[in-house]
Amino acid sequence: MPATIRLMRFGKKGQPSYRIVVIDKRKKRDGSYIEKIGSYNPMVEPKHLDLDDKKLNEWKLKGAIISEGMRKLLKNRKVASVKAK
């Protein structure tokens, strides 16, 4: 099963929030996921990123692929307010 670490959108129209989830690559963006490893809220200033680094590294070691959006978010992570668990 190819697993992917990606953003899952939820919230009201025009006010997005995202869950950072590990999901089967073949599932839809908002389908059922394997595990939630964090959240991201771009609507507050400064942007809020809550990510469990331990779980992220565990899934990367298991072979999970990081999506393009997550890759950009992790690259710019130093700019956002980060709360690592």
PDB file of N, CA and C in Angstrom:
ATOM      1  N   MET A   1       0.840  -1.178   0.000  1.00  0.00           N
ATOM      2  CA  MET A   1       0.000   0.000   0.000  1.00  0.00           C
ATOM      3  C   MET A   1       0.889   1.247   0.000  1.00  0.00           C
ATOM      4  N   PRO A   2       0.840   2.068  -1.042  1.00  0.00           N
ATOM      5  CA  PRO A   2       1.631   3.296  -1.077  1.00  0.00           C
ATOM      6  C   PRO A   2       0.991   4.379  -0.208  1.00  0.00           C
ATOM      7  N   ALA A   3       1.673   4.775   0.845  1.00  0.00           N
ATOM      8  CA  ALA A   3       1.162   5.805   1.745  1.00  0.00           C
ATOM      9  C   ALA A   3       1.738   7.158   1.360  1.00  0.00           C
ATOM     10  N   THR A   4       0.940   8.214   1.576  1.00  0.00           N
ATOM     11  CA  THR A   4       1.351   9.571   1.265  1.00  0.00           C
ATOM     12  C   THR A   4       1.052  10.464   2.466  1.00  0.00           C
ATOM     13  N   ILE A   5       1.939  11.397   2.734  1.00  0.00           N
ATOM     14  CA  ILE A   5       1.710  12.399   3.772  1.00  0.00           C
ATOM     15  C   ILE A   5       1.255  13.648   3.042  1.00  0.00           C
ATOM     16  N   ARG A   6       0.011  14.077   3.307  1.00  0.00           N
ATOM     17  CA  ARG A   6      -0.524  15.220   2.581  1.00  0.00           C
ATOM     18  C   ARG A   6      -1.522  16.011   3.407  1.00  0.00           C
ATOM     19  N   LEU A   7      -1.948  17.140   2.848  1.00  0.00           N
ATOM     20  CA  LEU A   7      -2.893  18.019   3.517  1.00  0.00           C
ATOM     21  C   LEU A   7      -4.319  17.590   3.189  1.00  0.00           C
ATOM     22  N   MET A   8      -5.190  17.644   4.196  1.00  0.00           N
ATOM     23  CA  MET A   8      -6.601  17.296   4.036  1.00  0.00           C
ATOM     24  C   MET A   8      -7.405  18.531   4.447  1.00  0.00           C
ATOM     25  N   ARG A   9      -8.092  19.135   3.502  1.00  0.00           N
ATOM     26  CA  ARG A   9      -8.792  20.388   3.756  1.00  0.00           C
ATOM     27  C   ARG A   9     -10.100  20.175   4.508  1.00  0.00           C
ATOM     28  N   PHE A  10     -10.365  21.070   5.466  1.00  0.00           N
ATOM     29  CA  PHE A  10     -11.670  21.141   6.108  1.00  0.00           C
ATOM     30  C   PHE A  10     -11.901  22.578   6.542  1.00  0.00           C
ATOM     31  N   GLY A  11     -13.059  22.906   7.069  1.00  0.00           N
ATOM     32  CA  GLY A  11     -13.384  24.271   7.447  1.00  0.00           C
ATOM     33  C   GLY A  11     -14.447  24.837   6.521  1.00  0.00           C
ATOM     34  N   LYS A  12     -14.825  26.084   6.800  1.00  0.00           N
ATOM     35  CA  LYS A  12     -15.862  26.734   6.011  1.00  0.00           C
ATOM     36  C   LYS A  12     -15.316  27.254   4.688  1.00  0.00           C
ATOM     37  N   LYS A  13     -16.238  27.587   3.783  1.00  0.00           N
ATOM     38  CA  LYS A  13     -15.847  28.153   2.495  1.00  0.00           C
ATOM     39  C   LYS A  13     -15.154  29.492   2.729  1.00  0.00           C
ATOM     40  N   GLY A  14     -13.968  29.653   2.172  1.00  0.00           N
ATOM     41  CA  GLY A  14     -13.208  30.877   2.336  1.00  0.00           C
ATOM     42  C   GLY A  14     -12.383  30.926   3.611  1.00  0.00           C
ATOM     43  N   GLN A  15     -12.506  29.907   4.474  1.00  0.00           N
ATOM     44  CA  GLN A  15     -11.740  29.838   5.722  1.00  0.00           C
ATOM     45  C   GLN A  15     -11.157  28.434   5.882  1.00  0.00           C
ATOM     46  N   PRO A  16     -10.179  28.085   5.056  1.00  0.00           N
ATOM     47  CA  PRO A  16      -9.662  26.721   5.099  1.00  0.00           C
ATOM     48  C   PRO A  16      -8.781  26.448   6.312  1.00  0.00           C
ATOM     49  N   SER A  17      -8.828  25.236   6.777  1.00  0.00           N
ATOM     50  CA  SER A  17      -7.890  24.679   7.744  1.00  0.00           C
ATOM     51  C   SER A  17      -7.504  23.325   7.180  1.00  0.00           C
ATOM     52  N   TYR A  18      -6.380  22.826   7.597  1.00  0.00           N
ATOM     53  CA  TYR A  18      -5.907  21.564   7.037  1.00  0.00           C
ATOM     54  C   TYR A  18      -5.460  20.615   8.128  1.00  0.00           C
ATOM     55  N   ARG A  19      -5.718  19.340   7.926  1.00  0.00           N
ATOM     56  CA  ARG A  19      -5.128  18.281   8.746  1.00  0.00           C
ATOM     57  C   ARG A  19      -3.969  17.714   7.944  1.00  0.00           C
ATOM     58  N   ILE A  20      -2.896  17.394   8.646  1.00  0.00           N
ATOM     59  CA  ILE A  20      -1.773  16.727   7.995  1.00  0.00           C
ATOM     60  C   ILE A  20      -1.948  15.246   8.291  1.00  0.00           C
ATOM     61  N   VAL A  21      -2.176  14.461   7.251  1.00  0.00           N
ATOM     62  CA  VAL A  21      -2.543  13.061   7.434  1.00  0.00           C
ATOM     63  C   VAL A  21      -1.666  12.133   6.609  1.00  0.00           C
ATOM     64  N   VAL A  22      -1.631  10.884   7.054  1.00  0.00           N
ATOM     65  CA  VAL A  22      -1.033   9.800   6.280  1.00  0.00           C
ATOM     66  C   VAL A  22      -2.210   9.059   5.665  1.00  0.00           C
ATOM     67  N   ILE A  23      -2.211   8.956   4.344  1.00  0.00           N
ATOM     68  CA  ILE A  23      -3.360   8.396   3.636  1.00  0.00           C
ATOM     69  C   ILE A  23      -2.866   7.499   2.503  1.00  0.00           C
ATOM     70  N   ASP A  24      -3.673   6.524   2.143  1.00  0.00           N
ATOM     71  CA  ASP A  24      -3.364   5.679   0.992  1.00  0.00           C
ATOM     72  C   ASP A  24      -3.384   6.563  -0.253  1.00  0.00           C
ATOM     73  N   LYS A  25      -2.375   6.472  -1.072  1.00  0.00           N
ATOM     74  CA  LYS A  25      -2.220   7.338  -2.245  1.00  0.00           C
ATOM     75  C   LYS A  25      -3.416   7.256  -3.194  1.00  0.00           C
ATOM     76  N   ARG A  26      -4.102   6.136  -3.216  1.00  0.00           N
ATOM     77  CA  ARG A  26      -5.209   5.949  -4.146  1.00  0.00           C
ATOM     78  C   ARG A  26      -6.519   6.542  -3.655  1.00  0.00           C
ATOM     79  N   LYS A  27      -6.582   7.006  -2.408  1.00  0.00           N
ATOM     80  CA  LYS A  27      -7.815   7.578  -1.847  1.00  0.00           C
ATOM     81  C   LYS A  27      -7.972   9.037  -2.251  1.00  0.00           C
ATOM     82  N   LYS A  28      -9.203   9.537  -2.133  1.00  0.00           N
ATOM     83  CA  LYS A  28      -9.492  10.935  -2.418  1.00  0.00           C
ATOM     84  C   LYS A  28      -8.886  11.818  -1.340  1.00  0.00           C
ATOM     85  N   ARG A  29      -8.765  13.112  -1.638  1.00  0.00           N
ATOM     86  CA  ARG A  29      -8.169  14.059  -0.703  1.00  0.00           C
ATOM     87  C   ARG A  29      -8.877  14.032   0.656  1.00  0.00           C
ATOM     88  N   ASP A  30     -10.204  13.957   0.651  1.00  0.00           N
ATOM     89  CA  ASP A  30     -10.955  13.991   1.895  1.00  0.00           C
ATOM     90  C   ASP A  30     -11.458  12.609   2.312  1.00  0.00           C
ATOM     91  N   GLY A  31     -10.823  11.546   1.802  1.00  0.00           N
ATOM     92  CA  GLY A  31     -11.213  10.191   2.158  1.00  0.00           C
ATOM     93  C   GLY A  31     -10.711   9.803   3.540  1.00  0.00           C
ATOM     94  N   SER A  32     -10.972   8.574   3.925  1.00  0.00           N
ATOM     95  CA  SER A  32     -10.531   8.108   5.237  1.00  0.00           C
ATOM     96  C   SER A  32      -9.009   7.976   5.246  1.00  0.00           C
ATOM     97  N   TYR A  33      -8.409   8.367   6.350  1.00  0.00           N
ATOM     98  CA  TYR A  33      -6.953   8.378   6.440  1.00  0.00           C
ATOM     99  C   TYR A  33      -6.467   7.360   7.467  1.00  0.00           C
ATOM    100  N   ILE A  34      -5.165   7.056   7.422  1.00  0.00           N
ATOM    101  CA  ILE A  34      -4.554   6.084   8.318  1.00  0.00           C
ATOM    102  C   ILE A  34      -4.267   6.722   9.667  1.00  0.00           C
ATOM    103  N   GLU A  35      -3.630   7.911   9.645  1.00  0.00           N
ATOM    104  CA  GLU A  35      -3.263   8.559  10.894  1.00  0.00           C
ATOM    105  C   GLU A  35      -3.150  10.069  10.682  1.00  0.00           C
ATOM    106  N   LYS A  36      -3.608  10.830  11.671  1.00  0.00           N
ATOM    107  CA  LYS A  36      -3.445  12.286  11.659  1.00  0.00           C
ATOM    108  C   LYS A  36      -2.151  12.599  12.402  1.00  0.00           C
ATOM    109  N   ILE A  37      -1.264  13.374  11.762  1.00  0.00           N
ATOM    110  CA  ILE A  37       0.010  13.690  12.412  1.00  0.00           C
ATOM    111  C   ILE A  37       0.183  15.182  12.670  1.00  0.00           C
ATOM    112  N   GLY A  38      -0.812  15.995  12.338  1.00  0.00           N
ATOM    113  CA  GLY A  38      -0.697  17.414  12.619  1.00  0.00           C
ATOM    114  C   GLY A  38      -1.823  18.215  12.010  1.00  0.00           C
ATOM    115  N   SER A  39      -1.692  19.553  12.121  1.00  0.00           N
ATOM    116  CA  SER A  39      -2.673  20.456  11.537  1.00  0.00           C
ATOM    117  C   SER A  39      -1.981  21.730  11.093  1.00  0.00           C
ATOM    118  N   TYR A  40      -2.663  22.460  10.191  1.00  0.00           N
ATOM    119  CA  TYR A  40      -2.119  23.700   9.645  1.00  0.00           C
ATOM    120  C   TYR A  40      -3.260  24.675   9.450  1.00  0.00           C
ATOM    121  N   ASN A  41      -3.091  25.894   9.987  1.00  0.00           N
ATOM    122  CA  ASN A  41      -4.104  26.930   9.831  1.00  0.00           C
ATOM    123  C   ASN A  41      -3.463  28.152   9.188  1.00  0.00           C
ATOM    124  N   PRO A  42      -3.722  28.383   7.889  1.00  0.00           N
ATOM    125  CA  PRO A  42      -3.117  29.524   7.205  1.00  0.00           C
ATOM    126  C   PRO A  42      -3.877  30.829   7.405  1.00  0.00           C
ATOM    127  N   MET A  43      -5.020  30.811   8.084  1.00  0.00           N
ATOM    128  CA  MET A  43      -5.867  31.993   8.201  1.00  0.00           C
ATOM    129  C   MET A  43      -5.521  32.887   9.383  1.00  0.00           C
ATOM    130  N   VAL A  44      -4.685  32.439  10.295  1.00  0.00           N
ATOM    131  CA  VAL A  44      -4.281  33.270  11.424  1.00  0.00           C
ATOM    132  C   VAL A  44      -2.922  33.892  11.115  1.00  0.00           C
ATOM    133  N   GLU A  45      -2.602  34.958  11.814  1.00  0.00           N
ATOM    134  CA  GLU A  45      -1.296  35.598  11.603  1.00  0.00           C
ATOM    135  C   GLU A  45      -0.533  35.567  12.904  1.00  0.00           C
ATOM    136  N   PRO A  46       0.585  34.928  13.046  1.00  0.00           N
ATOM    137  CA  PRO A  46       1.308  34.173  12.020  1.00  0.00           C
ATOM    138  C   PRO A  46       0.649  32.820  11.780  1.00  0.00           C
ATOM    139  N   LYS A  47       0.888  32.257  10.632  1.00  0.00           N
ATOM    140  CA  LYS A  47       0.311  30.956  10.272  1.00  0.00           C
ATOM    141  C   LYS A  47       0.704  29.914  11.311  1.00  0.00           C
ATOM    142  N   HIS A  48      -0.240  29.020  11.642  1.00  0.00           N
ATOM    143  CA  HIS A  48      -0.013  28.052  12.711  1.00  0.00           C
ATOM    144  C   HIS A  48       0.182  26.650  12.137  1.00  0.00           C
ATOM    145  N   LEU A  49       1.315  26.033  12.458  1.00  0.00           N
ATOM    146  CA  LEU A  49       1.626  24.667  12.039  1.00  0.00           C
ATOM    147  C   LEU A  49       1.876  23.837  13.280  1.00  0.00           C
ATOM    148  N   ASP A  50       1.088  22.797  13.459  1.00  0.00           N
ATOM    149  CA  ASP A  50       1.230  21.878  14.585  1.00  0.00           C
ATOM    150  C   ASP A  50       1.533  20.506  13.992  1.00  0.00           C
ATOM    151  N   LEU A  51       2.754  20.020  14.178  1.00  0.00           N
ATOM    152  CA  LEU A  51       3.189  18.791  13.515  1.00  0.00           C
ATOM    153  C   LEU A  51       3.948  17.911  14.489  1.00  0.00           C
ATOM    154  N   ASP A  52       3.619  16.622  14.500  1.00  0.00           N
ATOM    155  CA  ASP A  52       4.325  15.651  15.334  1.00  0.00           C
ATOM    156  C   ASP A  52       5.514  15.121  14.530  1.00  0.00           C
ATOM    157  N   ASP A  53       6.699  15.685  14.800  1.00  0.00           N
ATOM    158  CA  ASP A  53       7.900  15.317  14.042  1.00  0.00           C
ATOM    159  C   ASP A  53       8.261  13.842  14.191  1.00  0.00           C
ATOM    160  N   LYS A  54       8.010  13.278  15.364  1.00  0.00           N
ATOM    161  CA  LYS A  54       8.329  11.867  15.604  1.00  0.00           C
ATOM    162  C   LYS A  54       7.527  10.967  14.659  1.00  0.00           C
ATOM    163  N   LYS A  55       6.220  11.229  14.553  1.00  0.00           N
ATOM    164  CA  LYS A  55       5.372  10.424  13.666  1.00  0.00           C
ATOM    165  C   LYS A  55       5.729  10.663  12.199  1.00  0.00           C
ATOM    166  N   LEU A  56       6.067  11.918  11.863  1.00  0.00           N
ATOM    167  CA  LEU A  56       6.472  12.230  10.495  1.00  0.00           C
ATOM    168  C   LEU A  56       7.697  11.411  10.102  1.00  0.00           C
ATOM    169  N   ASN A  57       8.701  11.376  10.964  1.00  0.00           N
ATOM    170  CA  ASN A  57       9.912  10.612  10.671  1.00  0.00           C
ATOM    171  C   ASN A  57       9.649   9.112  10.616  1.00  0.00           C
ATOM    172  N   GLU A  58       8.766   8.606  11.497  1.00  0.00           N
ATOM    173  CA  GLU A  58       8.416   7.179  11.465  1.00  0.00           C
ATOM    174  C   GLU A  58       7.811   6.797  10.121  1.00  0.00           C
ATOM    175  N   TRP A  59       6.881   7.631   9.624  1.00  0.00           N
ATOM    176  CA  TRP A  59       6.236   7.320   8.353  1.00  0.00           C
ATOM    177  C   TRP A  59       7.190   7.467   7.180  1.00  0.00           C
ATOM    178  N   LYS A  60       8.102   8.439   7.256  1.00  0.00           N
ATOM    179  CA  LYS A  60       9.089   8.580   6.186  1.00  0.00           C
ATOM    180  C   LYS A  60       9.996   7.354   6.136  1.00  0.00           C
ATOM    181  N   LEU A  61      10.360   6.818   7.311  1.00  0.00           N
ATOM    182  CA  LEU A  61      11.183   5.602   7.343  1.00  0.00           C
ATOM    183  C   LEU A  61      10.436   4.391   6.795  1.00  0.00           C
ATOM    184  N   LYS A  62       9.113   4.381   6.954  1.00  0.00           N
ATOM    185  CA  LYS A  62       8.304   3.281   6.420  1.00  0.00           C
ATOM    186  C   LYS A  62       8.097   3.399   4.910  1.00  0.00           C
ATOM    187  N   GLY A  63       8.528   4.525   4.327  1.00  0.00           N
ATOM    188  CA  GLY A  63       8.435   4.684   2.880  1.00  0.00           C
ATOM    189  C   GLY A  63       7.319   5.585   2.403  1.00  0.00           C
ATOM    190  N   ALA A  64       6.701   6.336   3.296  1.00  0.00           N
ATOM    191  CA  ALA A  64       5.629   7.235   2.886  1.00  0.00           C
ATOM    192  C   ALA A  64       6.201   8.370   2.041  1.00  0.00           C
ATOM    193  N   ILE A  65       5.459   8.733   1.015  1.00  0.00           N
ATOM    194  CA  ILE A  65       5.860   9.798   0.099  1.00  0.00           C
ATOM    195  C   ILE A  65       5.241  11.104   0.588  1.00  0.00           C
ATOM    196  N   ILE A  66       6.010  12.184   0.550  1.00  0.00           N
ATOM    197  CA  ILE A  66       5.500  13.485   0.964  1.00  0.00           C
ATOM    198  C   ILE A  66       4.960  14.205  -0.267  1.00  0.00           C
ATOM    199  N   SER A  67       3.730  14.716  -0.166  1.00  0.00           N
ATOM    200  CA  SER A  67       3.111  15.395  -1.308  1.00  0.00           C
ATOM    201  C   SER A  67       3.797  16.729  -1.580  1.00  0.00           C
ATOM    202  N   GLU A  68       3.528  17.278  -2.748  1.00  0.00           N
ATOM    203  CA  GLU A  68       4.141  18.546  -3.157  1.00  0.00           C
ATOM    204  C   GLU A  68       3.762  19.684  -2.212  1.00  0.00           C
ATOM    205  N   GLY A  69       2.488  19.767  -1.837  1.00  0.00           N
ATOM    206  CA  GLY A  69       2.048  20.821  -0.917  1.00  0.00           C
ATOM    207  C   GLY A  69       2.693  20.702   0.452  1.00  0.00           C
ATOM    208  N   MET A  70       2.815  19.491   0.950  1.00  0.00           N
ATOM    209  CA  MET A  70       3.469  19.271   2.245  1.00  0.00           C
ATOM    210  C   MET A  70       4.945  19.612   2.156  1.00  0.00           C
ATOM    211  N   ARG A  71       5.571  19.284   1.039  1.00  0.00           N
ATOM    212  CA  ARG A  71       6.989  19.570   0.855  1.00  0.00           C
ATOM    213  C   ARG A  71       7.232  21.077   0.918  1.00  0.00           C
ATOM    214  N   LYS A  72       6.362  21.865   0.261  1.00  0.00           N
ATOM    215  CA  LYS A  72       6.483  23.323   0.296  1.00  0.00           C
ATOM    216  C   LYS A  72       6.265  23.852   1.712  1.00  0.00           C
ATOM    217  N   LEU A  73       5.301  23.279   2.409  1.00  0.00           N
ATOM    218  CA  LEU A  73       5.000  23.711   3.775  1.00  0.00           C
ATOM    219  C   LEU A  73       6.173  23.422   4.709  1.00  0.00           C
ATOM    220  N   LEU A  74       6.780  22.254   4.581  1.00  0.00           N
ATOM    221  CA  LEU A  74       7.931  21.907   5.414  1.00  0.00           C
ATOM    222  C   LEU A  74       9.142  22.767   5.078  1.00  0.00           C
ATOM    223  N   LYS A  75       9.295  23.134   3.816  1.00  0.00           N
ATOM    224  CA  LYS A  75      10.414  23.972   3.401  1.00  0.00           C
ATOM    225  C   LYS A  75      10.288  25.372   4.007  1.00  0.00           C
ATOM    226  N   ASN A  76       9.069  25.900   4.055  1.00  0.00           N
ATOM    227  CA  ASN A  76       8.818  27.241   4.582  1.00  0.00           C
ATOM    228  C   ASN A  76       8.453  27.225   6.063  1.00  0.00           C
ATOM    229  N   ARG A  77       8.646  26.137   6.717  1.00  0.00           N
ATOM    230  CA  ARG A  77       8.230  25.928   8.094  1.00  0.00           C
ATOM    231  C   ARG A  77       8.857  26.917   9.071  1.00  0.00           C
ATOM    232  N   LYS A  78      10.067  27.369   8.807  1.00  0.00           N
ATOM    233  CA  LYS A  78      10.735  28.286   9.730  1.00  0.00           C
ATOM    234  C   LYS A  78      10.034  29.643   9.783  1.00  0.00           C
ATOM    235  N   VAL A  79       9.262  29.984   8.745  1.00  0.00           N
ATOM    236  CA  VAL A  79       8.550  31.252   8.704  1.00  0.00           C
ATOM    237  C   VAL A  79       7.288  31.185   9.560  1.00  0.00           C
ATOM    238  N   ALA A  80       6.632  30.046   9.560  1.00  0.00           N
ATOM    239  CA  ALA A  80       5.373  29.892  10.288  1.00  0.00           C
ATOM    240  C   ALA A  80       5.630  29.656  11.774  1.00  0.00           C
ATOM    241  N   SER A  81       4.623  29.916  12.580  1.00  0.00           N
ATOM    242  CA  SER A  81       4.721  29.600  14.005  1.00  0.00           C
ATOM    243  C   SER A  81       4.529  28.099  14.143  1.00  0.00           C
ATOM    244  N   VAL A  82       5.495  27.433  14.717  1.00  0.00           N
ATOM    245  CA  VAL A  82       5.511  25.974  14.750  1.00  0.00           C
ATOM    246  C   VAL A  82       5.408  25.492  16.191  1.00  0.00           C
ATOM    247  N   LYS A  83       4.549  24.497  16.380  1.00  0.00           N
ATOM    248  CA  LYS A  83       4.437  23.852  17.681  1.00  0.00           C
ATOM    249  C   LYS A  83       4.709  22.371  17.446  1.00  0.00           C
ATOM    250  N   ALA A  84       5.939  21.951  17.647  1.00  0.00           N
ATOM    251  CA  ALA A  84       6.317  20.553  17.439  1.00  0.00           C
ATOM    252  C   ALA A  84       6.019  19.768  18.701  1.00  0.00           C
ATOM    253  N   LYS A  85       5.532  18.552  18.528  1.00  0.00           N
ATOM    254  CA  LYS A  85       5.220  17.694  19.674  1.00  0.00           C
ATOM    255  C   LYS A  85       6.392  16.816  19.994  1.00  0.00           C
TER     256      LYS A  85
END
